[in-house]
Structure formats: structure tokens, C-alpha cells
């Protein structure tokens, strides 16, 4: 009973959170994605990047984006100006770079570069969810 109550509380807090539940460590984020069997949304960012700030203040503050990411994805963010770890194959010269990855950390698609608006990001999330569901059924 205690496990069920804990799971319900965790799910409720994830669905009604007012911010994205970010993983700051790439390795532990991948481990969580594997355990939960969820795709990863990985962002390479910088605090001094104009478009990174715009992305965080708009798209990543949208309640539908927050809810969808917290429910269906493991979200990982890496700040280059904090020397956070990022796999070399995911490095791009510009920020923000938004990657959708399989749970093992391999890319599903090429990254979305720059700030993307909420509606297009939600569409991208839907495409990734469908593709992930189709590839994990096989």
C-alpha cells in the first residue's frame, strides 16, 4: 500500500509541477531513462546565451511542455559554462542544442538548434513519443 501511495504522489507531483524535473548528470539521467523506459530530452545550454534564456523563459516555462516532459521523458540539461559533462558526439558549436535520445543515450534525430516556440516543441515531443512507442513495440 505504501508503494502505491508513494507512486501516486510522485506521479501527481510530476504532472502538476511548475518546472521541468531536470537531471543535471548525464550518466544518472541515462540510467533513469533505462530504468523507466523513457526517451531523453537533452539540452546543451549556457547561462550567457540569449537564445538559451529565451528558451527557458518561454517554451520550458509552458505548463503543457512541463507536464509532457515530466510525464513522458527524462530531461537532462548540461551547461557548458558550468563545465557539465556532455558526450562528445552530442556537442554542437551553438546553443541551445535540443536532442531527443533513446534511453541508452543514442540520438533519435539530429538536434533542434536554437530557441523553439512552445507549439512546435509540443509537436516535436509528440513525434518523438510516437516514434519511441513504435520502436519499443518491436
N, C-alpha and C. Protein backbone atom coordinates (compact mmCIF):
# COMPACT_ATOMS: atom_id res chain seq x y z
N UNK A 1 0.82 -1.20 0.00
CA UNK A 1 0.00 0.00 0.00
C UNK A 1 0.86 1.26 0.00
N UNK A 2 1.92 1.22 0.81
CA UNK A 2 2.82 2.37 0.90
C UNK A 2 3.46 2.68 -0.45
N UNK A 3 3.84 1.63 -1.21
CA UNK A 3 4.46 1.82 -2.52
C UNK A 3 3.47 2.45 -3.50
N UNK A 4 2.22 2.04 -3.43
CA UNK A 4 1.20 2.59 -4.32
C UNK A 4 0.99 4.07 -4.01
N UNK A 5 0.88 4.41 -2.74
CA UNK A 5 0.68 5.80 -2.33
C UNK A 5 1.88 6.66 -2.76
N UNK A 6 3.07 6.14 -2.58
CA UNK A 6 4.27 6.87 -2.99
C UNK A 6 4.27 7.10 -4.50
N UNK A 7 3.92 6.07 -5.27
CA UNK A 7 3.88 6.19 -6.73
C UNK A 7 2.84 7.22 -7.16
N UNK A 8 1.67 7.21 -6.53
CA UNK A 8 0.61 8.17 -6.86
C UNK A 8 1.07 9.60 -6.55
N UNK A 9 1.68 9.80 -5.40
CA UNK A 9 2.17 11.13 -5.03
C UNK A 9 3.26 11.61 -5.98
N UNK A 10 4.17 10.71 -6.37
CA UNK A 10 5.23 11.08 -7.30
C UNK A 10 4.66 11.45 -8.65
N UNK A 11 3.73 10.65 -9.16
CA UNK A 11 3.11 10.94 -10.45
C UNK A 11 2.34 12.26 -10.40
N UNK A 12 1.61 12.50 -9.34
CA UNK A 12 0.85 13.74 -9.19
C UNK A 12 1.79 14.94 -9.17
N UNK A 13 2.88 14.83 -8.42
CA UNK A 13 3.81 15.96 -8.35
C UNK A 13 4.47 16.21 -9.70
N UNK A 14 4.71 15.15 -10.49
CA UNK A 14 5.31 15.32 -11.80
C UNK A 14 4.33 15.96 -12.77
N UNK A 15 3.08 15.58 -12.69
CA UNK A 15 2.08 16.11 -13.63
C UNK A 15 1.73 17.57 -13.34
N UNK A 16 1.79 17.97 -12.09
CA UNK A 16 1.38 19.32 -11.73
C UNK A 16 2.56 20.19 -11.31
N UNK A 17 3.75 19.79 -11.68
CA UNK A 17 4.94 20.57 -11.33
C UNK A 17 4.94 21.88 -12.10
N UNK A 18 5.59 22.88 -11.51
CA UNK A 18 5.67 24.17 -12.19
C UNK A 18 7.03 24.37 -12.86
N UNK A 19 7.84 23.31 -12.87
CA UNK A 19 9.11 23.38 -13.59
C UNK A 19 9.50 21.97 -14.06
N UNK A 20 10.38 21.93 -15.02
CA UNK A 20 10.86 20.66 -15.56
C UNK A 20 11.72 19.99 -14.50
N UNK A 21 11.54 18.69 -14.35
CA UNK A 21 12.36 17.90 -13.42
C UNK A 21 13.68 17.55 -14.12
N UNK A 22 14.63 18.47 -14.04
CA UNK A 22 15.90 18.29 -14.74
C UNK A 22 16.84 17.33 -14.02
N UNK A 23 17.50 16.52 -14.78
CA UNK A 23 18.66 15.76 -14.32
C UNK A 23 19.86 16.61 -14.72
N UNK A 24 20.80 16.81 -13.82
CA UNK A 24 22.00 17.59 -14.16
C UNK A 24 23.19 16.70 -14.47
N UNK A 25 23.05 15.41 -14.27
CA UNK A 25 24.14 14.48 -14.51
C UNK A 25 23.73 13.56 -15.66
N UNK A 26 24.49 13.60 -16.75
CA UNK A 26 24.11 12.83 -17.94
C UNK A 26 24.02 11.34 -17.64
N UNK A 27 25.02 10.81 -16.97
CA UNK A 27 25.06 9.36 -16.70
C UNK A 27 23.87 8.92 -15.86
N UNK A 28 23.56 9.63 -14.78
CA UNK A 28 22.42 9.23 -13.95
C UNK A 28 21.10 9.46 -14.68
N UNK A 29 21.05 10.44 -15.57
CA UNK A 29 19.86 10.65 -16.39
C UNK A 29 19.61 9.49 -17.34
N UNK A 30 20.68 8.98 -17.96
CA UNK A 30 20.55 7.82 -18.84
C UNK A 30 20.13 6.59 -18.04
N UNK A 31 20.71 6.42 -16.86
CA UNK A 31 20.32 5.28 -16.02
C UNK A 31 18.84 5.36 -15.65
N UNK A 32 18.35 6.57 -15.34
CA UNK A 32 16.93 6.74 -15.02
C UNK A 32 16.06 6.43 -16.24
N UNK A 33 16.48 6.89 -17.42
CA UNK A 33 15.71 6.64 -18.65
C UNK A 33 15.62 5.15 -18.96
N UNK A 34 16.72 4.45 -18.76
CA UNK A 34 16.71 3.00 -18.99
C UNK A 34 15.77 2.33 -18.00
N UNK A 35 15.89 2.70 -16.74
CA UNK A 35 15.04 2.10 -15.70
C UNK A 35 13.56 2.37 -15.95
N UNK A 36 13.24 3.60 -16.37
CA UNK A 36 11.84 4.00 -16.59
C UNK A 36 11.36 3.69 -18.01
N UNK A 37 12.28 3.28 -18.90
CA UNK A 37 11.97 3.05 -20.31
C UNK A 37 11.30 4.28 -20.94
N UNK A 38 11.99 5.42 -20.81
CA UNK A 38 11.50 6.68 -21.39
C UNK A 38 12.59 7.28 -22.27
N UNK A 39 12.17 8.00 -23.32
CA UNK A 39 13.16 8.71 -24.12
C UNK A 39 13.73 9.89 -23.31
N UNK A 40 14.85 10.39 -23.77
CA UNK A 40 15.53 11.50 -23.11
C UNK A 40 15.38 12.76 -23.94
N UNK A 41 15.14 13.88 -23.28
CA UNK A 41 15.26 15.18 -23.92
C UNK A 41 16.49 15.82 -23.28
N UNK A 42 17.54 15.99 -24.08
CA UNK A 42 18.81 16.53 -23.60
C UNK A 42 19.05 17.91 -24.18
N UNK A 43 19.42 18.85 -23.33
CA UNK A 43 19.67 20.22 -23.78
C UNK A 43 21.10 20.62 -23.43
N UNK A 44 21.81 21.09 -24.42
CA UNK A 44 23.12 21.71 -24.20
C UNK A 44 22.86 23.21 -24.18
N UNK A 45 23.25 23.85 -23.08
CA UNK A 45 22.88 25.25 -22.88
C UNK A 45 24.03 26.04 -22.27
N UNK A 46 23.85 27.35 -22.17
CA UNK A 46 24.77 28.26 -21.45
C UNK A 46 23.92 29.33 -20.78
N UNK A 47 24.34 29.77 -19.64
CA UNK A 47 23.61 30.83 -18.93
C UNK A 47 23.72 32.18 -19.65
N UNK A 48 24.77 32.38 -20.41
CA UNK A 48 25.00 33.66 -21.08
C UNK A 48 24.49 33.68 -22.51
N UNK A 49 23.83 32.63 -22.93
CA UNK A 49 23.32 32.51 -24.30
C UNK A 49 21.92 33.13 -24.37
N UNK A 50 21.77 34.13 -25.22
CA UNK A 50 20.49 34.84 -25.37
C UNK A 50 19.35 33.87 -25.70
N UNK A 51 19.57 32.97 -26.66
CA UNK A 51 18.51 32.07 -27.08
C UNK A 51 18.23 30.97 -26.08
N UNK A 52 19.24 30.61 -25.28
CA UNK A 52 19.03 29.65 -24.19
C UNK A 52 18.10 30.25 -23.13
N UNK A 53 18.33 31.51 -22.82
CA UNK A 53 17.50 32.21 -21.83
C UNK A 53 16.07 32.34 -22.36
N UNK A 54 15.92 32.69 -23.63
CA UNK A 54 14.59 32.79 -24.25
C UNK A 54 13.88 31.44 -24.18
N UNK A 55 14.59 30.36 -24.51
CA UNK A 55 14.01 29.01 -24.47
C UNK A 55 13.52 28.68 -23.06
N UNK A 56 14.33 28.97 -22.06
CA UNK A 56 13.95 28.66 -20.68
C UNK A 56 12.78 29.52 -20.20
N UNK A 57 12.74 30.79 -20.63
CA UNK A 57 11.68 31.70 -20.17
C UNK A 57 10.36 31.52 -20.91
N UNK A 58 10.40 30.90 -22.07
CA UNK A 58 9.16 30.73 -22.85
C UNK A 58 8.78 29.25 -22.91
N UNK A 59 9.37 28.51 -23.81
CA UNK A 59 9.00 27.11 -24.05
C UNK A 59 9.10 26.25 -22.81
N UNK A 60 10.23 26.34 -22.09
CA UNK A 60 10.43 25.48 -20.92
C UNK A 60 9.69 25.98 -19.69
N UNK A 61 8.93 27.07 -19.84
CA UNK A 61 8.06 27.55 -18.76
C UNK A 61 6.59 27.29 -19.05
N UNK A 62 6.30 26.74 -20.23
CA UNK A 62 4.94 26.44 -20.64
C UNK A 62 4.42 25.23 -19.88
N UNK A 63 3.22 25.34 -19.30
CA UNK A 63 2.69 24.26 -18.45
C UNK A 63 2.49 22.95 -19.21
N UNK A 64 2.12 23.02 -20.50
CA UNK A 64 1.93 21.79 -21.28
C UNK A 64 3.27 21.12 -21.59
N UNK A 65 4.28 21.93 -21.87
CA UNK A 65 5.62 21.39 -22.12
C UNK A 65 6.15 20.75 -20.84
N UNK A 66 6.02 21.46 -19.72
CA UNK A 66 6.50 20.94 -18.43
C UNK A 66 5.81 19.62 -18.10
N UNK A 67 4.50 19.60 -18.22
CA UNK A 67 3.73 18.39 -17.91
C UNK A 67 4.15 17.22 -18.80
N UNK A 68 4.25 17.47 -20.11
CA UNK A 68 4.61 16.42 -21.05
C UNK A 68 6.01 15.89 -20.82
N UNK A 69 6.96 16.78 -20.58
CA UNK A 69 8.33 16.33 -20.33
C UNK A 69 8.42 15.53 -19.03
N UNK A 70 7.79 16.04 -17.98
CA UNK A 70 7.87 15.34 -16.69
C UNK A 70 7.17 13.99 -16.71
N UNK A 71 6.15 13.86 -17.55
CA UNK A 71 5.40 12.59 -17.62
C UNK A 71 6.07 11.57 -18.54
N UNK A 72 6.53 12.01 -19.71
CA UNK A 72 6.91 11.06 -20.75
C UNK A 72 8.40 11.01 -21.09
N UNK A 73 9.21 11.87 -20.49
CA UNK A 73 10.63 11.95 -20.83
C UNK A 73 11.48 12.04 -19.57
N UNK A 74 12.74 11.72 -19.72
CA UNK A 74 13.74 12.08 -18.72
C UNK A 74 14.46 13.28 -19.32
N UNK A 75 14.46 14.40 -18.62
CA UNK A 75 15.05 15.63 -19.14
C UNK A 75 16.40 15.87 -18.48
N UNK A 76 17.40 16.08 -19.32
CA UNK A 76 18.76 16.33 -18.85
C UNK A 76 19.23 17.65 -19.43
N UNK A 77 19.86 18.48 -18.61
CA UNK A 77 20.43 19.74 -19.11
C UNK A 77 21.90 19.80 -18.73
N UNK A 78 22.69 20.29 -19.67
CA UNK A 78 24.13 20.44 -19.46
C UNK A 78 24.50 21.87 -19.81
N UNK A 79 25.10 22.57 -18.85
CA UNK A 79 25.55 23.95 -19.07
C UNK A 79 27.04 23.96 -19.36
N UNK A 80 27.41 24.39 -20.57
CA UNK A 80 28.83 24.41 -20.93
C UNK A 80 29.61 25.40 -20.07
N UNK A 81 28.95 26.47 -19.62
CA UNK A 81 29.66 27.44 -18.78
C UNK A 81 29.80 26.98 -17.33
N UNK A 82 29.25 25.82 -17.01
CA UNK A 82 29.46 25.21 -15.69
C UNK A 82 30.33 23.95 -15.83
N UNK A 83 30.85 23.72 -17.04
CA UNK A 83 31.66 22.54 -17.35
C UNK A 83 30.94 21.24 -17.04
N UNK A 84 29.62 21.21 -17.23
CA UNK A 84 28.85 19.97 -17.07
C UNK A 84 29.29 18.98 -18.14
N UNK A 85 29.24 17.71 -17.79
CA UNK A 85 29.61 16.66 -18.75
C UNK A 85 28.58 16.58 -19.87
N UNK A 86 29.10 16.38 -21.08
CA UNK A 86 28.27 16.14 -22.24
C UNK A 86 29.04 15.19 -23.16
N UNK A 87 28.39 14.13 -23.65
CA UNK A 87 29.10 13.24 -24.57
C UNK A 87 29.59 14.02 -25.79
N UNK A 88 30.78 13.71 -26.21
CA UNK A 88 31.41 14.42 -27.34
C UNK A 88 30.54 14.39 -28.59
N UNK A 89 29.87 13.25 -28.84
CA UNK A 89 29.05 13.14 -30.05
C UNK A 89 27.80 14.02 -30.02
N UNK A 90 27.45 14.56 -28.86
CA UNK A 90 26.30 15.46 -28.77
C UNK A 90 26.70 16.94 -28.78
N UNK A 91 28.00 17.21 -28.78
CA UNK A 91 28.46 18.59 -28.78
C UNK A 91 28.17 19.25 -30.12
N UNK A 92 27.68 20.46 -30.07
CA UNK A 92 27.48 21.31 -31.25
C UNK A 92 28.04 22.69 -30.92
N UNK A 93 28.52 23.42 -31.94
CA UNK A 93 29.15 24.71 -31.65
C UNK A 93 28.18 25.79 -31.17
N UNK A 94 26.91 25.61 -31.37
CA UNK A 94 25.94 26.61 -30.93
C UNK A 94 25.05 26.09 -29.82
N UNK A 95 24.46 27.00 -29.09
CA UNK A 95 23.49 26.64 -28.05
C UNK A 95 22.27 27.52 -28.21
N UNK A 96 21.13 27.06 -27.78
CA UNK A 96 20.88 25.74 -27.24
C UNK A 96 20.78 24.68 -28.34
N UNK A 97 21.18 23.48 -27.97
CA UNK A 97 21.00 22.31 -28.84
C UNK A 97 20.10 21.35 -28.08
N UNK A 98 18.96 21.02 -28.68
CA UNK A 98 17.98 20.14 -28.03
C UNK A 98 17.99 18.80 -28.76
N UNK A 99 18.34 17.76 -28.03
CA UNK A 99 18.41 16.41 -28.57
C UNK A 99 17.30 15.55 -27.98
N UNK A 100 16.73 14.70 -28.81
CA UNK A 100 15.86 13.64 -28.31
C UNK A 100 16.64 12.34 -28.49
N UNK A 101 16.79 11.61 -27.39
CA UNK A 101 17.65 10.43 -27.35
C UNK A 101 16.85 9.20 -26.92
N UNK A 102 17.33 8.04 -27.36
CA UNK A 102 16.81 6.79 -26.83
C UNK A 102 17.29 6.67 -25.38
N UNK A 103 16.67 5.81 -24.58
CA UNK A 103 17.08 5.68 -23.18
C UNK A 103 18.57 5.40 -22.97
N UNK A 104 19.21 4.75 -23.94
CA UNK A 104 20.64 4.45 -23.79
C UNK A 104 21.54 5.64 -24.14
N UNK A 105 20.93 6.76 -24.54
CA UNK A 105 21.69 7.97 -24.83
C UNK A 105 22.05 8.18 -26.28
N UNK A 106 21.64 7.28 -27.17
CA UNK A 106 21.92 7.48 -28.59
C UNK A 106 20.84 8.36 -29.22
N UNK A 107 21.23 9.20 -30.17
CA UNK A 107 20.27 10.14 -30.77
C UNK A 107 19.17 9.45 -31.58
N UNK A 108 17.96 9.98 -31.44
CA UNK A 108 16.85 9.55 -32.29
C UNK A 108 16.86 10.37 -33.58
N UNK A 109 17.23 11.64 -33.49
CA UNK A 109 17.20 12.59 -34.60
C UNK A 109 18.39 13.54 -34.45
N UNK A 110 18.57 14.39 -35.44
CA UNK A 110 19.53 15.48 -35.32
C UNK A 110 18.94 16.49 -34.32
N UNK A 111 19.78 17.34 -33.72
CA UNK A 111 19.26 18.26 -32.71
C UNK A 111 18.45 19.41 -33.30
N UNK A 112 17.59 19.95 -32.47
CA UNK A 112 16.91 21.20 -32.77
C UNK A 112 17.85 22.28 -32.25
N UNK A 113 18.25 23.19 -33.12
CA UNK A 113 19.19 24.23 -32.72
C UNK A 113 18.45 25.55 -32.52
N UNK A 114 18.73 26.20 -31.38
CA UNK A 114 18.13 27.50 -31.11
C UNK A 114 16.85 27.39 -30.31
N UNK A 115 16.26 28.55 -30.04
CA UNK A 115 15.01 28.59 -29.29
C UNK A 115 13.87 28.17 -30.21
N UNK A 116 13.04 27.30 -29.73
CA UNK A 116 11.88 26.81 -30.48
C UNK A 116 10.63 27.20 -29.68
N UNK A 117 9.59 27.61 -30.37
CA UNK A 117 8.38 28.03 -29.65
C UNK A 117 7.64 26.82 -29.09
N UNK A 118 6.72 27.10 -28.17
CA UNK A 118 6.00 26.05 -27.45
C UNK A 118 5.25 25.10 -28.36
N UNK A 119 4.52 25.65 -29.34
CA UNK A 119 3.70 24.80 -30.20
C UNK A 119 4.54 23.84 -31.03
N UNK A 120 5.63 24.32 -31.60
CA UNK A 120 6.49 23.44 -32.38
C UNK A 120 7.22 22.44 -31.49
N UNK A 121 7.57 22.85 -30.28
CA UNK A 121 8.21 21.92 -29.36
C UNK A 121 7.24 20.81 -28.96
N UNK A 122 5.99 21.17 -28.68
CA UNK A 122 4.98 20.17 -28.34
C UNK A 122 4.77 19.20 -29.51
N UNK A 123 4.80 19.70 -30.75
CA UNK A 123 4.69 18.82 -31.92
C UNK A 123 5.88 17.87 -31.98
N UNK A 124 7.07 18.40 -31.74
CA UNK A 124 8.28 17.57 -31.74
C UNK A 124 8.19 16.49 -30.66
N UNK A 125 7.71 16.86 -29.49
CA UNK A 125 7.54 15.88 -28.41
C UNK A 125 6.59 14.77 -28.83
N UNK A 126 5.50 15.12 -29.51
CA UNK A 126 4.54 14.13 -29.98
C UNK A 126 5.15 13.18 -30.99
N UNK A 127 5.95 13.70 -31.91
CA UNK A 127 6.62 12.87 -32.91
C UNK A 127 7.57 11.90 -32.21
N UNK A 128 8.34 12.41 -31.25
CA UNK A 128 9.30 11.57 -30.54
C UNK A 128 8.57 10.48 -29.74
N UNK A 129 7.51 10.86 -29.05
CA UNK A 129 6.73 9.87 -28.28
C UNK A 129 6.22 8.75 -29.17
N UNK A 130 5.65 9.12 -30.32
CA UNK A 130 5.12 8.11 -31.25
C UNK A 130 6.23 7.23 -31.80
N UNK A 131 7.33 7.83 -32.19
CA UNK A 131 8.45 7.04 -32.73
C UNK A 131 9.00 6.11 -31.66
N UNK A 132 9.13 6.61 -30.43
CA UNK A 132 9.65 5.78 -29.34
C UNK A 132 8.70 4.61 -29.07
N UNK A 133 7.41 4.88 -29.04
CA UNK A 133 6.41 3.82 -28.80
C UNK A 133 6.48 2.77 -29.91
N UNK A 134 6.63 3.21 -31.16
CA UNK A 134 6.70 2.28 -32.28
C UNK A 134 7.98 1.45 -32.27
N UNK A 135 9.10 2.03 -31.89
CA UNK A 135 10.36 1.28 -31.90
C UNK A 135 10.48 0.35 -30.70
N UNK A 136 9.82 0.66 -29.60
CA UNK A 136 9.92 -0.21 -28.43
C UNK A 136 8.92 -1.36 -28.49
N UNK A 137 7.94 -1.30 -29.40
CA UNK A 137 6.99 -2.39 -29.58
C UNK A 137 7.60 -3.57 -30.30
N UNK A 138 8.62 -3.31 -31.11
CA UNK A 138 9.21 -4.35 -31.96
C UNK A 138 9.98 -5.36 -31.18
